[in-house]
Amino acid sequence: MAGSSQLVFAPLGGVGEIGMNLSIYGLGEPRRRTWLAVDVGVSFASQENLPGIDLVLPDIRYLVEERRNLAGIVITHAHEDHFGALLDLWPKLKVPVYATPFTAALLAAKRQSEPGAPEIPVTVVALGSRFNVGPFDIELVSVAHSIPESNALIIRTPHGNVLHTGDWKLDPTPLLGLPTDEAKLRALGAEGCLALLGDSTNAVREGRSPSEKDVAKTLAKLIADAPRRVAVTTFASNVARLRAVADAARTAEREVVVVGRAMERVVQVARETGYLDDVQDFRPQDAYGYLPPDKVVALCTGSQGEPRAALSRIAQDEHPDVTLSKGDRVIFSSRTIPGNEKAVGHVINGLIDQGIEVITDRTQLVHVSGHPRRAELEEMIGWVKPQLVIPVHGEALHLHEHAELARRCGADVLVCRNGDLIQLAPGMPGIIDEVPAGRIYKDGRLLVAADARTIADRRRLSFSGVVFVAIAITDKGQLAANPEVELIGIPESSADGEPMAEIAYEAAVDTIEQLPKARRRDPDSVAEAVRRGVRAALAERWGKKPPCYVQVLVV
């Protein structure tokens, strides 16, 4: 490589936050770099005050500018926070995508369920394989996680080797798929590792994450002991958990009924890719009502309290096929994503009000994380022996704790944020520049900029409603008819009982009558004066100034 060649890294999402993972690696001279993207994920709008927004996506304007130099996108695994933005953002890039069989199949199934989604040509790569993406030599390392085929990436370059861990944990009994490939990671340590870019999600937790096998034992006991119906909700993508529920149901001589479209989609893909081989056939949800209460397990979507998901509708007694009643048991085999606590609590309360027993991970080992705790992080660093550790995939506290742990393990550490451009080699690693980074919002079928007025306007409307005033005046500035006033989201009456609509109407009329004749003939002047007058009158009687939109028509 030329003397001015560099190996650089920049996170465009997933650092300083959990979710929306997107990392890029650059190789070559500063003006002629070739780029590799790793993951293109989303985060969920429920975590922020974003009325009407469905998803939050990384801003890829920098990659769009560098599209001709972008060699490809490698997806580490099929969780939404790692591949959920592909369908929306790939059309802006149109570069090769690389994924293992399960991830590719789940992407294809997701595309079929979304009208108008682009057909993305995916190069399917085998587990543990080694392949080239432009000048990057990439080797997949199988790691245990809460979804099949999660991979760390060894990225080999002329400047040295980088380990991009993706999401992982150390689970000697993962129940499904391969355990974390210790031999390959130790071999990387012997070969030499320039930098480890590592998952920080559980860096604040001591010890080790329990095994999926332990969860399976708990589920088997809870399902066997249940006197009546059982419903289990979990992340649909956790195929090992689905299999554990199926095995427990078979032992208890119960049928499994799949409830919810996302669950049905994952079950279909898992069967196609062999991850549910030897598992009994599941029953469709319309079979639920015909099964005896002690012979059924309902496998439901809705572990995060999503309002239209199966369990939320069941909790409100609104599901067309599935009902629960007093004495039935619901198992939340999941963790609540930060920001979803109220929604999940609403579902749990709805179930308890119906006399249903609810079991969560607060009282039973019904869920384990797919991310490493501190002892696992130490072991990974010991195997790989990186010169440098860069904590990623976590909020500020997680990154800080991961950094402190890595220092105690003897590694150099660099803590960064989204948009930081880091030189990994040659020379001393450090932040050398910034690249554009941010977020965009999925609003129905549209992508809108985070700084667009759309969201700010919605927040204002949710806080204080809105007033519309329509006025018709003659060319001499006289009212041609009484003003029309409409209030939306505003209290009907003031504290003394006067209708707010009358207050707004009188303010509009009084404002017009007090205007000088010259200004009354100017529609813009009339509109602005009425807007101010109506807002002031409502503020005096209510204490809030709602947005007011005035239309003036000259007749």
Protein backbone atom coordinates (compact mmCIF):
# COMPACT_ATOMS: atom_id res chain seq x y z
CA MET A 1 0.00 0.00 0.00
CA ALA A 2 1.08 3.56 -0.60
CA GLY A 3 2.58 5.43 2.27
CA SER A 4 -0.48 7.67 2.61
CA SER A 5 -2.89 4.76 2.79
CA GLN A 6 -4.97 4.49 5.97
CA LEU A 7 -7.40 2.10 7.64
CA VAL A 8 -10.22 4.13 9.16
CA PHE A 9 -13.49 3.46 10.97
CA ALA A 10 -16.60 5.58 11.56
CA PRO A 11 -19.86 4.67 13.31
CA LEU A 12 -22.92 6.21 11.65
CA GLY A 13 -25.28 4.70 14.25
CA GLY A 14 -25.26 2.49 17.31
CA VAL A 15 -22.65 4.36 19.39
CA GLY A 16 -23.94 6.40 22.31
CA GLU A 17 -27.27 4.61 21.79
CA ILE A 18 -28.65 1.09 21.58
CA GLY A 19 -30.04 0.30 18.14
CA MET A 20 -29.66 1.76 14.63
CA ASN A 21 -26.30 0.03 14.10
CA LEU A 22 -24.28 1.10 11.08
CA SER A 23 -20.49 1.07 10.91
CA ILE A 24 -18.17 1.86 8.00
CA TYR A 25 -14.53 0.94 7.42
CA GLY A 26 -12.36 2.77 4.90
CA LEU A 27 -9.14 1.62 3.24
CA GLY A 28 -6.80 3.66 1.05
CA GLU A 29 -5.66 7.24 0.61
CA PRO A 30 -7.92 9.93 2.10
CA ARG A 31 -9.32 11.06 -1.27
CA ARG A 32 -9.51 7.56 -2.73
CA ARG A 33 -10.82 5.33 0.05
CA THR A 34 -12.84 2.21 -0.54
CA TRP A 35 -15.58 1.72 2.03
CA LEU A 36 -17.18 -1.31 3.66
CA ALA A 37 -20.49 -0.97 5.55
CA VAL A 38 -21.40 -3.35 8.36
CA ASP A 39 -25.12 -3.58 9.26
CA VAL A 40 -27.91 -1.12 8.46
CA GLY A 41 -30.26 -1.13 11.45
CA VAL A 42 -33.17 0.77 12.93
CA SER A 43 -34.23 1.87 16.39
CA PHE A 44 -37.80 2.25 17.52
CA ALA A 45 -39.63 5.55 17.82
CA SER A 46 -41.26 4.55 21.11
CA GLN A 47 -37.96 5.46 22.75
CA GLU A 48 -38.41 9.14 21.93
CA ASN A 49 -41.10 11.80 21.77
CA LEU A 50 -41.83 11.26 18.09
CA PRO A 51 -45.59 11.29 17.50
CA GLY A 52 -46.59 9.33 14.41
CA ILE A 53 -43.06 8.09 13.65
CA ASP A 54 -42.69 4.34 13.09
CA LEU A 55 -38.92 3.85 13.01
CA VAL A 56 -35.66 5.78 13.37
CA LEU A 57 -33.01 5.14 10.71
CA PRO A 58 -29.39 6.27 10.38
CA ASP A 59 -28.71 9.23 8.12
CA ILE A 60 -26.62 7.82 5.25
CA ARG A 61 -25.95 11.02 3.32
CA TYR A 62 -22.20 10.40 3.62
CA LEU A 63 -22.51 6.92 2.14
CA VAL A 64 -24.70 8.28 -0.66
CA GLU A 65 -21.91 10.77 -1.50
CA GLU A 66 -19.36 7.91 -1.39
CA ARG A 67 -21.60 5.37 -3.15
CA ARG A 68 -19.14 4.77 -6.00
CA ASN A 69 -16.48 3.89 -3.44
CA LEU A 70 -18.73 1.65 -1.32
CA ALA A 71 -17.74 -1.96 -2.00
CA GLY A 72 -20.64 -3.58 -0.18
CA ILE A 73 -22.69 -4.12 2.95
CA VAL A 74 -22.15 -7.09 5.28
CA ILE A 75 -25.00 -7.97 7.67
CA THR A 76 -23.90 -9.64 10.91
CA HIS A 77 -27.36 -11.00 11.83
CA ALA A 78 -31.09 -10.52 11.29
CA HIS A 79 -32.17 -8.43 14.26
CA GLU A 80 -34.01 -5.26 13.29
CA ASP A 81 -31.40 -3.03 14.94
CA HIS A 82 -28.82 -4.53 12.55
CA PHE A 83 -30.68 -5.09 9.26
CA GLY A 84 -34.07 -3.38 9.66
CA ALA A 85 -33.23 -0.29 7.56
CA LEU A 86 -32.05 -2.20 4.48
CA LEU A 87 -35.36 -2.14 2.61
CA ASP A 88 -35.65 1.64 3.02
CA LEU A 89 -32.03 2.67 2.52
CA TRP A 90 -30.59 0.17 0.01
CA PRO A 91 -32.24 1.91 -3.00
CA LYS A 92 -30.11 4.98 -2.21
CA LEU A 93 -26.92 2.86 -2.39
CA LYS A 94 -27.56 -0.15 -4.66
CA VAL A 95 -24.40 -2.00 -3.66
CA PRO A 96 -23.84 -5.73 -3.01
CA VAL A 97 -25.22 -7.13 0.25
CA TYR A 98 -23.70 -10.16 1.98
CA ALA A 99 -25.56 -12.30 4.52
CA THR A 100 -25.76 -15.87 5.81
CA PRO A 101 -28.70 -18.11 4.78
CA PHE A 102 -31.10 -17.43 7.68
CA THR A 103 -30.56 -13.66 7.50
CA ALA A 104 -31.06 -13.66 3.72
CA ALA A 105 -34.24 -15.75 4.01
CA LEU A 106 -35.70 -13.51 6.73
CA LEU A 107 -34.94 -10.43 4.63
CA ALA A 108 -36.72 -12.01 1.66
CA ALA A 109 -39.75 -12.88 3.80
CA LYS A 110 -39.84 -9.36 5.24
CA ARG A 111 -39.72 -7.91 1.74
CA GLN A 112 -42.69 -10.01 0.64
CA SER A 113 -44.75 -8.64 3.54
CA GLU A 114 -44.07 -4.99 2.66
CA PRO A 115 -45.78 -3.76 -0.54
CA GLY A 116 -43.42 -1.89 -2.83
CA ALA A 117 -40.27 -3.03 -1.04
CA PRO A 118 -37.23 -3.27 -3.35
CA GLU A 119 -35.83 -6.60 -4.45
CA ILE A 120 -32.33 -6.61 -2.99
CA PRO A 121 -29.84 -9.01 -4.58
CA VAL A 122 -28.14 -10.73 -1.64
CA THR A 123 -24.96 -12.77 -1.89
CA VAL A 124 -25.49 -15.66 0.52
CA VAL A 125 -22.28 -16.61 2.33
CA ALA A 126 -21.77 -19.78 4.37
CA LEU A 127 -21.29 -19.78 8.13
CA GLY A 128 -17.61 -19.53 9.01
CA SER A 129 -16.68 -18.65 5.44
CA ARG A 130 -14.02 -16.24 4.20
CA PHE A 131 -14.67 -13.90 1.27
CA ASN A 132 -13.58 -10.58 -0.19
CA VAL A 133 -15.57 -7.37 -0.41
CA GLY A 134 -13.45 -5.04 -2.51
CA PRO A 135 -10.04 -4.85 -0.79
CA PHE A 136 -11.42 -6.17 2.51
CA ASP A 137 -10.72 -9.82 3.38
CA ILE A 138 -13.61 -10.88 5.64
CA GLU A 139 -13.97 -14.03 7.72
CA LEU A 140 -17.17 -14.89 9.59
CA VAL A 141 -16.90 -16.03 13.19
CA SER A 142 -19.97 -17.80 14.57
CA VAL A 143 -21.07 -16.33 17.91
CA ALA A 144 -23.88 -17.26 20.28
CA HIS A 145 -26.75 -14.76 20.37
CA SER A 146 -30.54 -14.69 20.57
CA ILE A 147 -31.08 -15.33 16.86
CA PRO A 148 -29.64 -17.95 14.49
CA GLU A 149 -26.47 -17.19 12.55
CA SER A 150 -25.09 -14.23 14.44
CA ASN A 151 -21.56 -13.47 13.29
CA ALA A 152 -18.52 -11.52 14.34
CA LEU A 153 -16.33 -10.33 11.47
CA ILE A 154 -12.57 -10.62 11.17
CA ILE A 155 -11.65 -7.86 8.73
CA ARG A 156 -8.13 -8.40 7.37
CA THR A 157 -6.32 -5.53 5.68
CA PRO A 158 -2.69 -4.73 4.78
CA HIS A 159 -2.67 -2.48 7.87
CA GLY A 160 -3.76 -5.21 10.29
CA ASN A 161 -6.75 -7.22 11.44
CA VAL A 162 -9.92 -5.85 13.02
CA LEU A 163 -12.54 -7.84 14.96
CA HIS A 164 -16.05 -6.42 14.64
CA THR A 165 -17.91 -8.48 17.24
CA GLY A 166 -21.50 -7.70 16.34
CA ASP A 167 -23.88 -9.00 19.03
CA TRP A 168 -22.57 -11.99 20.95
CA LYS A 169 -22.32 -13.85 24.23
CA LEU A 170 -20.50 -16.92 25.56
CA ASP A 171 -23.04 -19.72 25.88
CA PRO A 172 -21.65 -23.27 26.05
CA THR A 173 -25.18 -24.68 25.64
CA PRO A 174 -26.91 -22.35 23.16
CA LEU A 175 -29.78 -24.82 22.44
CA LEU A 176 -29.76 -23.84 18.77
CA GLY A 177 -26.93 -23.11 16.38
CA LEU A 178 -23.24 -22.87 17.11
CA PRO A 179 -21.53 -21.64 20.28
CA THR A 180 -19.09 -18.74 20.03
CA ASP A 181 -16.07 -20.01 18.08
CA GLU A 182 -13.36 -19.81 20.73
CA ALA A 183 -10.76 -21.57 18.56
CA LYS A 184 -11.09 -19.05 15.73
CA LEU A 185 -10.91 -16.12 18.12
CA ARG A 186 -7.83 -17.51 19.86
CA ALA A 187 -6.26 -18.03 16.44
CA LEU A 188 -6.91 -14.36 15.65
CA GLY A 189 -5.17 -13.43 18.90
CA ALA A 190 -2.14 -15.46 17.85
CA GLU A 191 -2.19 -13.94 14.35
CA GLY A 192 -2.47 -10.42 15.72
CA CYS A 193 -5.46 -8.12 16.21
CA LEU A 194 -5.09 -4.40 15.66
CA ALA A 195 -8.50 -3.41 17.07
CA LEU A 196 -11.60 -4.95 18.62
CA LEU A 197 -14.87 -3.07 18.12
CA GLY A 198 -17.09 -4.63 20.72
CA ASP A 199 -20.66 -4.95 21.95
CA SER A 200 -21.09 -2.92 25.16
CA THR A 201 -24.78 -3.58 25.94
CA ASN A 202 -24.23 -5.54 29.16
CA ALA A 203 -20.89 -4.02 30.21
CA VAL A 204 -22.48 -2.77 33.44
CA ARG A 205 -23.45 -6.29 34.58
CA GLU A 206 -21.11 -8.52 36.54
CA GLY A 207 -20.53 -12.20 35.88
CA ARG A 208 -21.85 -14.15 32.90
CA SER A 209 -25.18 -14.30 31.09
CA PRO A 210 -27.09 -17.51 31.89
CA SER A 211 -27.59 -20.07 29.12
CA GLU A 212 -30.56 -20.63 26.83
CA LYS A 213 -30.57 -24.20 28.17
CA ASP A 214 -31.42 -22.85 31.63
CA VAL A 215 -34.34 -20.88 30.22
CA ALA A 216 -35.59 -23.99 28.41
CA LYS A 217 -35.68 -25.91 31.72
CA THR A 218 -37.73 -23.16 33.38
CA LEU A 219 -40.17 -22.95 30.48
CA ALA A 220 -40.62 -26.73 30.51
CA LYS A 221 -41.55 -26.67 34.20
CA LEU A 222 -43.91 -23.69 33.91
CA ILE A 223 -45.74 -25.20 30.94
CA ALA A 224 -45.96 -28.66 32.53
CA ASP A 225 -47.31 -27.24 35.81
CA ALA A 226 -49.93 -24.95 34.24
CA PRO A 227 -53.48 -26.10 35.04
CA ARG A 228 -55.10 -24.34 32.07
CA ARG A 229 -54.11 -22.44 28.95
CA VAL A 230 -50.57 -21.10 28.54
CA ALA A 231 -49.49 -18.18 26.36
CA VAL A 232 -45.80 -17.40 25.82
CA THR A 233 -44.60 -14.16 24.30
CA THR A 234 -41.04 -13.58 23.17
CA PHE A 235 -39.07 -11.87 20.42
CA ALA A 236 -40.20 -13.64 17.25
CA SER A 237 -36.60 -13.81 16.01
CA ASN A 238 -35.46 -15.88 19.01
CA VAL A 239 -35.81 -19.24 17.27
CA ALA A 240 -34.05 -21.08 20.11
CA ARG A 241 -36.77 -19.83 22.47
CA LEU A 242 -39.49 -20.89 20.02
CA ARG A 243 -37.95 -24.33 19.91
CA ALA A 244 -37.76 -24.49 23.71
CA VAL A 245 -41.47 -23.67 23.93
CA ALA A 246 -42.26 -26.31 21.32
CA ASP A 247 -40.23 -28.97 23.14
CA ALA A 248 -41.88 -28.09 26.45
CA ALA A 249 -45.34 -28.26 24.87
CA ARG A 250 -44.66 -31.65 23.32
CA THR A 251 -43.48 -33.05 26.66
CA ALA A 252 -46.63 -31.67 28.32
CA GLU A 253 -48.79 -33.12 25.50
CA ARG A 254 -49.92 -29.69 24.36
CA GLU A 255 -50.38 -28.24 20.87
CA VAL A 256 -48.53 -25.04 19.88
CA VAL A 257 -50.64 -22.36 18.23
CA VAL A 258 -48.76 -19.51 16.50
CA VAL A 259 -50.44 -16.12 16.97
CA GLY A 260 -49.16 -13.06 15.12
CA ARG A 261 -47.82 -12.39 11.62
CA ALA A 262 -44.21 -11.72 12.68
CA MET A 263 -44.13 -15.01 14.57
CA GLU A 264 -45.60 -16.88 11.59
CA ARG A 265 -42.97 -15.37 9.29
CA VAL A 266 -40.03 -16.37 11.48
CA VAL A 267 -41.41 -19.88 12.01
CA GLN A 268 -41.70 -20.33 8.25
CA VAL A 269 -38.13 -19.12 7.62
CA ALA A 270 -36.75 -21.23 10.48
CA ARG A 271 -38.37 -24.35 9.03
CA GLU A 272 -37.06 -23.54 5.53
CA THR A 273 -33.51 -23.13 6.84
CA GLY A 274 -33.56 -26.21 9.07
CA TYR A 275 -33.67 -24.58 12.49
CA LEU A 276 -36.98 -26.24 13.40
CA ASP A 277 -36.19 -29.69 12.04
CA ASP A 278 -37.71 -32.44 14.21
CA VAL A 279 -40.07 -29.91 15.81
CA GLN A 280 -43.75 -30.80 15.62
CA ASP A 281 -46.03 -28.90 13.25
CA PHE A 282 -47.62 -25.82 14.79
CA ARG A 283 -51.33 -25.08 14.55
CA PRO A 284 -52.81 -21.90 13.00
CA GLN A 285 -54.51 -19.45 15.33
CA ASP A 286 -58.01 -20.36 14.16
CA ALA A 287 -57.46 -23.81 15.73
CA TYR A 288 -57.03 -22.29 19.19
CA GLY A 289 -60.71 -22.25 20.13
CA TYR A 290 -61.14 -25.96 19.42
CA LEU A 291 -58.36 -27.15 21.74
CA PRO A 292 -59.00 -28.02 25.41
CA PRO A 293 -57.54 -25.47 27.87
CA ASP A 294 -54.97 -27.96 29.20
CA LYS A 295 -53.83 -28.97 25.71
CA VAL A 296 -52.70 -25.66 24.19
CA VAL A 297 -49.74 -23.27 24.26
CA ALA A 298 -50.20 -20.00 22.36
CA LEU A 299 -46.93 -18.55 21.01
CA CYS A 300 -47.70 -14.83 20.70
CA THR A 301 -46.18 -11.64 19.37
CA GLY A 302 -46.38 -8.53 21.56
CA SER A 303 -43.62 -8.90 24.14
CA GLN A 304 -42.92 -5.14 23.86
CA GLY A 305 -46.53 -4.04 24.31
CA GLU A 306 -47.01 -3.16 20.63
CA PRO A 307 -50.64 -1.97 20.44
CA ARG A 308 -51.68 -4.09 17.43
CA ALA A 309 -49.64 -7.18 18.32
CA ALA A 310 -51.39 -10.37 19.37
CA LEU A 311 -50.88 -10.20 23.15
CA SER A 312 -51.98 -6.56 23.39
CA ARG A 313 -55.23 -7.42 21.66
CA ILE A 314 -55.70 -10.48 23.87
CA ALA A 315 -55.12 -8.34 26.99
CA GLN A 316 -57.89 -6.00 25.84
CA ASP A 317 -60.12 -8.94 24.90
CA GLU A 318 -60.12 -7.76 21.27
CA HIS A 319 -58.46 -10.69 19.48
CA PRO A 320 -60.76 -12.45 16.99
CA ASP A 321 -59.46 -15.98 17.65
CA VAL A 322 -57.59 -16.09 20.95
CA THR A 323 -58.96 -15.37 24.42
CA LEU A 324 -57.61 -15.97 27.89
CA SER A 325 -59.54 -16.19 31.14
CA LYS A 326 -59.11 -16.50 34.89
CA GLY A 327 -56.57 -19.16 35.82
CA ASP A 328 -54.68 -19.08 32.52
CA ARG A 329 -50.94 -18.34 32.51
CA VAL A 330 -48.96 -15.87 30.40
CA ILE A 331 -45.15 -16.05 30.31
CA PHE A 332 -43.15 -13.01 29.17
CA SER A 333 -40.00 -14.78 27.90
CA SER A 334 -38.36 -11.48 26.99
CA ARG A 335 -36.88 -8.30 28.38
CA THR A 336 -38.55 -4.92 28.06
CA ILE A 337 -36.63 -2.63 25.72
CA PRO A 338 -35.99 0.76 27.41
CA GLY A 339 -38.82 3.10 26.46
CA ASN A 340 -41.42 0.33 26.24
CA GLU A 341 -42.04 -0.01 29.98
CA LYS A 342 -45.42 1.77 29.98
CA ALA A 343 -46.71 -0.19 26.98
CA VAL A 344 -45.67 -3.52 28.49
CA GLY A 345 -47.11 -2.53 31.86
CA HIS A 346 -50.42 -1.71 30.18
CA VAL A 347 -50.59 -5.21 28.69
CA ILE A 348 -49.63 -6.89 31.98
CA ASN A 349 -52.24 -4.89 33.88
CA GLY A 350 -54.89 -5.79 31.31
CA LEU A 351 -54.11 -9.48 31.76
CA ILE A 352 -54.06 -9.31 35.57
CA ASP A 353 -57.42 -7.50 35.59
CA GLN A 354 -58.83 -10.57 33.83
CA GLY A 355 -57.50 -12.87 36.55
CA ILE A 356 -54.67 -14.23 34.40
CA GLU A 357 -51.36 -15.25 36.01
CA VAL A 358 -48.41 -13.30 34.55
CA ILE A 359 -44.83 -14.55 34.87
CA THR A 360 -41.84 -12.37 33.92
CA ASP A 361 -38.08 -12.52 34.36
CA ARG A 362 -38.45 -10.66 37.65
CA THR A 363 -39.51 -13.88 39.35
CA GLN A 364 -38.42 -16.74 37.08
CA LEU A 365 -35.52 -17.47 34.71
CA VAL A 366 -37.67 -17.13 31.59
CA HIS A 367 -35.29 -14.89 29.64
CA VAL A 368 -31.55 -14.41 29.22
CA SER A 369 -29.78 -11.67 27.34
CA GLY A 370 -27.94 -12.33 24.10
CA HIS A 371 -25.16 -9.91 25.07
CA PRO A 372 -21.97 -10.46 27.12
CA ARG A 373 -21.55 -9.48 30.74
CA ARG A 374 -18.25 -8.34 32.20
CA ALA A 375 -16.63 -11.77 32.68
CA GLU A 376 -17.40 -12.63 29.06
CA LEU A 377 -15.95 -9.34 27.84
CA GLU A 378 -12.76 -10.05 29.77
CA GLU A 379 -12.55 -13.53 28.26
CA MET A 380 -13.01 -12.23 24.72
CA ILE A 381 -10.26 -9.64 25.21
CA GLY A 382 -8.02 -12.37 26.63
CA TRP A 383 -8.54 -14.58 23.58
CA VAL A 384 -8.16 -11.89 20.93
CA LYS A 385 -5.45 -9.77 22.63
CA PRO A 386 -6.33 -6.59 20.69
CA GLN A 387 -3.96 -3.64 20.73
CA LEU A 388 -6.97 -1.31 20.83
CA VAL A 389 -10.56 -1.69 22.08
CA ILE A 390 -13.28 0.63 20.76
CA PRO A 391 -16.55 0.17 22.70
CA VAL A 392 -19.64 0.33 20.46
CA HIS A 393 -23.29 -0.73 20.62
CA GLY A 394 -24.28 1.02 23.84
CA GLU A 395 -25.22 4.23 25.58
CA ALA A 396 -22.63 6.44 27.27
CA LEU A 397 -22.65 4.43 30.53
CA HIS A 398 -22.18 1.12 28.68
CA LEU A 399 -19.31 2.51 26.60
CA HIS A 400 -17.61 3.93 29.68
CA GLU A 401 -17.82 0.67 31.64
CA HIS A 402 -16.57 -1.35 28.66
CA ALA A 403 -13.66 1.09 28.27
CA GLU A 404 -12.66 0.86 31.94
CA LEU A 405 -12.79 -2.94 31.81
CA ALA A 406 -10.65 -3.05 28.65
CA ARG A 407 -8.03 -0.79 30.23
CA ARG A 408 -7.81 -3.11 33.22
CA CYS A 409 -7.25 -5.95 30.75
CA GLY A 410 -4.21 -4.11 29.37
CA ALA A 411 -5.63 -2.82 26.08
CA ASP A 412 -5.49 0.72 24.77
CA VAL A 413 -8.97 2.23 24.51
CA LEU A 414 -10.62 4.81 22.29
CA VAL A 415 -14.16 5.99 23.04
CA CYS A 416 -16.02 7.61 20.16
CA ARG A 417 -19.47 8.78 19.08
CA ASN A 418 -21.48 8.59 15.90
CA GLY A 419 -19.79 10.54 13.12
CA ASP A 420 -16.25 10.36 14.50
CA LEU A 421 -13.74 9.27 11.85
CA ILE A 422 -11.02 7.21 13.51
CA GLN A 423 -7.66 6.34 12.03
CA LEU A 424 -6.87 2.79 13.11
CA ALA A 425 -3.58 2.51 11.21
CA PRO A 426 -0.86 3.35 10.46
CA GLY A 427 0.51 5.17 13.47
CA MET A 428 -1.23 6.09 16.70
CA PRO A 429 -5.02 5.49 16.53
CA GLY A 430 -7.16 8.56 17.06
CA ILE A 431 -10.11 10.64 15.89
CA ILE A 432 -8.96 12.56 12.83
CA ASP A 433 -12.18 14.03 11.41
CA GLU A 434 -15.96 13.97 11.42
CA VAL A 435 -18.34 12.63 8.80
CA PRO A 436 -22.05 13.53 8.55
CA ALA A 437 -24.13 11.36 10.89
CA GLY A 438 -27.60 11.68 12.32
CA ARG A 439 -31.01 10.16 11.97
CA ILE A 440 -34.00 10.13 9.69
CA TYR A 441 -37.54 9.07 10.49
CA LYS A 442 -39.83 6.51 8.88
CA ASP A 443 -43.20 8.24 8.71
CA GLY A 444 -45.68 5.88 7.07
CA ARG A 445 -44.19 5.22 3.64
CA LEU A 446 -41.98 8.31 3.73
CA LEU A 447 -38.52 9.08 5.06
CA VAL A 448 -38.30 12.54 6.65
CA ALA A 449 -35.32 14.46 7.98
CA ALA A 450 -34.96 14.63 11.75
CA ASP A 451 -34.89 18.44 11.59
CA ALA A 452 -38.01 18.68 9.39
CA ARG A 453 -40.84 20.80 10.81
CA THR A 454 -43.15 17.78 10.66
CA ILE A 455 -42.20 16.37 14.03
CA ALA A 456 -41.90 19.73 15.81
CA ASP A 457 -45.37 20.68 14.56
CA ARG A 458 -46.83 17.39 15.81
CA ARG A 459 -45.31 17.92 19.22
CA ARG A 460 -46.89 21.38 19.38
CA LEU A 461 -50.25 20.00 18.30
CA SER A 462 -50.08 17.27 20.94
CA PHE A 463 -49.32 19.89 23.59
CA SER A 464 -51.91 22.57 22.83
CA GLY A 465 -54.14 21.64 19.88
CA VAL A 466 -54.79 23.99 16.99
CA VAL A 467 -57.18 26.79 15.94
CA PHE A 468 -58.40 27.48 12.40
CA VAL A 469 -60.06 30.79 11.49
CA ALA A 470 -61.59 31.55 8.08
CA ILE A 471 -62.47 35.19 7.28
CA ALA A 472 -64.16 36.71 4.24
CA ILE A 473 -63.73 40.50 3.70
CA THR A 474 -64.74 42.92 0.98
CA ASP A 475 -62.24 44.97 -1.02
CA LYS A 476 -63.11 47.83 1.34
CA GLY A 477 -62.06 45.83 4.39
CA GLN A 478 -65.55 45.06 5.67
CA LEU A 479 -66.52 41.61 7.01
CA ALA A 480 -68.53 39.89 4.28
CA ALA A 481 -69.76 37.19 6.72
CA ASN A 482 -69.18 36.05 10.26
CA PRO A 483 -65.76 34.43 10.75
CA GLU A 484 -65.67 30.63 10.90
CA VAL A 485 -63.70 29.22 13.83
CA GLU A 486 -62.72 25.59 14.44
CA LEU A 487 -60.83 24.34 17.49
CA ILE A 488 -59.14 20.93 17.61
CA GLY A 489 -57.65 19.48 20.78
CA ILE A 490 -58.62 22.48 22.92
CA PRO A 491 -60.85 22.38 26.04
CA GLU A 492 -64.47 23.17 25.30
CA SER A 493 -64.87 25.79 28.03
CA SER A 494 -62.81 28.17 30.15
CA ALA A 495 -62.69 27.97 33.94
CA ASP A 496 -65.80 30.19 34.21
CA GLY A 497 -67.73 28.08 31.69
CA GLU A 498 -67.46 30.32 28.62
CA PRO A 499 -67.05 28.25 25.42
CA MET A 500 -63.51 28.50 24.08
CA ALA A 501 -64.85 28.70 20.53
CA GLU A 502 -66.77 31.88 21.46
CA ILE A 503 -63.66 33.36 23.05
CA ALA A 504 -61.72 32.74 19.82
CA TYR A 505 -64.59 34.08 17.67
CA GLU A 506 -64.97 37.30 19.67
CA ALA A 507 -61.20 37.82 19.64
CA ALA A 508 -61.18 37.52 15.84
CA VAL A 509 -64.07 39.97 15.36
CA ASP A 510 -62.73 42.50 17.90
CA THR A 511 -59.26 42.40 16.31
CA ILE A 512 -60.66 43.14 12.83
CA GLU A 513 -62.88 45.97 14.09
CA GLN A 514 -59.94 47.61 15.87
CA LEU A 515 -57.67 47.56 12.83
CA PRO A 516 -57.19 50.83 10.92
CA LYS A 517 -59.13 50.85 7.63
CA ALA A 518 -55.95 50.73 5.53
CA ARG A 519 -54.75 47.55 7.23
CA ARG A 520 -58.21 45.96 6.97
CA ARG A 521 -57.86 46.01 3.19
CA ASP A 522 -54.59 44.01 3.39
CA PRO A 523 -55.38 40.26 3.78
CA ASP A 524 -51.92 39.49 5.17
CA SER A 525 -52.19 42.18 7.84
CA VAL A 526 -55.67 40.96 8.82
CA ALA A 527 -54.47 37.35 9.07
CA GLU A 528 -51.46 38.18 11.25
CA ALA A 529 -53.45 40.48 13.56
CA VAL A 530 -56.22 37.89 14.02
CA ARG A 531 -53.66 35.14 14.67
CA ARG A 532 -52.05 37.19 17.43
CA GLY A 533 -55.38 38.30 18.89
CA VAL A 534 -56.88 34.79 19.06
CA ARG A 535 -53.74 33.28 20.62
CA ALA A 536 -53.59 36.08 23.23
CA ALA A 537 -57.25 35.68 24.15
CA LEU A 538 -56.95 31.91 24.58
CA ALA A 539 -53.71 32.28 26.54
CA GLU A 540 -55.40 34.70 28.94
CA ARG A 541 -58.26 32.29 29.68
CA TRP A 542 -56.43 28.94 29.32
CA GLY A 543 -52.73 29.55 29.95
CA LYS A 544 -51.60 28.06 26.64
CA LYS A 545 -51.01 29.55 23.19
CA PRO A 546 -52.11 27.05 20.55
CA PRO A 547 -50.99 27.38 16.93
CA CYS A 548 -53.54 29.47 15.05
CA TYR A 549 -53.97 29.39 11.26
CA VAL A 550 -55.97 32.18 9.63
CA GLN A 551 -57.19 32.24 6.07
CA VAL A 552 -58.48 35.54 4.68
CA LEU A 553 -60.51 35.60 1.44
CA VAL A 554 -61.33 38.88 -0.35
CA VAL A 555 -64.80 38.74 -1.97
